[in-house]
Amino acid sequence: MASPALTLAVVDDHHLMRPGLAHTVGDWPHARQVVEAEDGVDFERVIAEVGHIHIAIIDRQMPKRDGFDTLRWMGRVIRVHFLRPCRG
């Protein structure tokens, strides 16, 4: 059975971190497309252009709209599943 091709997003205001992380997740065999946004407001624009995002990696501290506000916005406009770090 073929694996699904997924659209991923990296949302981070760090201009060195964002492309590096996008490149890393882009090497994942299930990644069809990786889009980048510099903050939550930019991510809203990217979603309007690209459409559905399967997985988003979002920084917590960003200008204009931080990661927490971005997640709240996402919860209002699209179906969201949250993954949280495990505490062992």
Protein backbone atom coordinates (compact mmCIF):
# COMPACT_ATOMS: atom_id res chain seq x y z
CA MET A 1 0.00 0.00 0.00
CA ALA A 2 1.39 3.41 -0.96
CA SER A 3 2.01 5.95 1.79
CA PRO A 4 0.04 9.19 1.66
CA ALA A 5 1.81 12.29 0.39
CA LEU A 6 1.53 14.97 3.05
CA THR A 7 1.81 18.75 3.04
CA LEU A 8 3.84 20.01 5.99
CA ALA A 9 4.38 23.50 7.36
CA VAL A 10 7.19 24.99 9.42
CA VAL A 11 6.15 28.18 11.21
CA ASP A 12 9.10 29.91 12.87
CA ASP A 13 10.43 33.47 12.94
CA HIS A 14 14.09 32.39 13.11
CA HIS A 15 15.45 32.88 9.59
CA LEU A 16 18.17 30.25 10.05
CA MET A 17 16.10 27.65 11.92
CA ARG A 18 13.03 27.66 9.64
CA PRO A 19 14.74 26.65 6.35
CA GLY A 20 16.90 24.06 8.12
CA LEU A 21 13.91 22.43 9.76
CA ALA A 22 11.93 22.62 6.51
CA HIS A 23 14.78 20.87 4.70
CA THR A 24 14.94 18.18 7.38
CA VAL A 25 11.22 17.37 7.34
CA GLY A 26 11.24 17.63 3.55
CA ASP A 27 13.52 14.59 3.49
CA TRP A 28 10.78 12.54 5.14
CA PRO A 29 9.49 10.07 2.52
CA HIS A 30 5.84 10.99 3.19
CA ALA A 31 6.39 14.71 2.60
CA ARG A 32 4.99 15.91 -0.70
CA GLN A 33 5.42 19.60 0.00
CA VAL A 34 6.90 21.69 2.82
CA VAL A 35 5.79 25.30 3.18
CA GLU A 36 7.29 27.93 5.44
CA ALA A 37 5.81 30.85 7.36
CA GLU A 38 7.55 33.39 9.57
CA ASP A 39 4.72 33.80 12.11
CA GLY A 40 1.06 32.98 12.67
CA VAL A 41 -0.24 35.76 10.43
CA ASP A 42 2.02 34.59 7.59
CA PHE A 43 0.85 31.00 8.23
CA GLU A 44 -2.76 32.12 7.73
CA ARG A 45 -1.77 33.52 4.32
CA VAL A 46 0.09 30.30 3.44
CA ILE A 47 -2.95 28.16 4.28
CA ALA A 48 -5.12 30.39 2.09
CA GLU A 49 -2.70 29.85 -0.81
CA VAL A 50 -1.81 26.17 -0.34
CA GLY A 51 -4.96 24.73 1.17
CA HIS A 52 -4.89 21.83 3.60
CA ILE A 53 -1.82 21.36 5.78
CA HIS A 54 -1.48 17.87 7.23
CA ILE A 55 1.25 18.57 9.79
CA ALA A 56 2.45 21.93 11.14
CA ILE A 57 5.52 22.48 13.31
CA ILE A 58 4.93 25.79 15.09
CA ASP A 59 7.30 27.87 17.20
CA ARG A 60 5.84 29.16 20.48
CA GLN A 61 7.37 32.64 20.50
CA MET A 62 6.90 34.69 17.33
CA PRO A 63 5.96 38.29 16.50
CA LYS A 64 2.51 39.30 15.23
CA ARG A 65 0.84 35.99 16.26
CA ASP A 66 2.70 33.60 18.54
CA GLY A 67 2.39 29.83 18.51
CA PHE A 68 -0.35 29.69 21.15
CA ASP A 69 -2.53 32.26 19.37
CA THR A 70 -1.85 30.47 16.07
CA LEU A 71 -3.10 27.20 17.56
CA ARG A 72 -6.21 28.95 18.88
CA TRP A 73 -6.81 30.45 15.41
CA MET A 74 -6.32 27.03 13.80
CA GLY A 75 -8.82 25.47 16.22
CA ARG A 76 -11.46 27.95 15.07
CA VAL A 77 -10.97 27.55 11.32
CA ILE A 78 -9.71 24.01 10.67
CA ARG A 79 -9.78 20.57 12.26
CA VAL A 80 -6.77 20.31 14.56
CA HIS A 81 -5.17 17.40 16.42
CA PHE A 82 -2.56 18.34 18.98
CA LEU A 83 0.53 16.29 19.76
CA ARG A 84 2.24 17.08 23.01
CA PRO A 85 5.61 15.95 24.31
CA CYS A 86 5.57 12.82 26.42
CA ARG A 87 6.71 13.10 29.99
CA GLY A 88 8.21 9.79 31.08
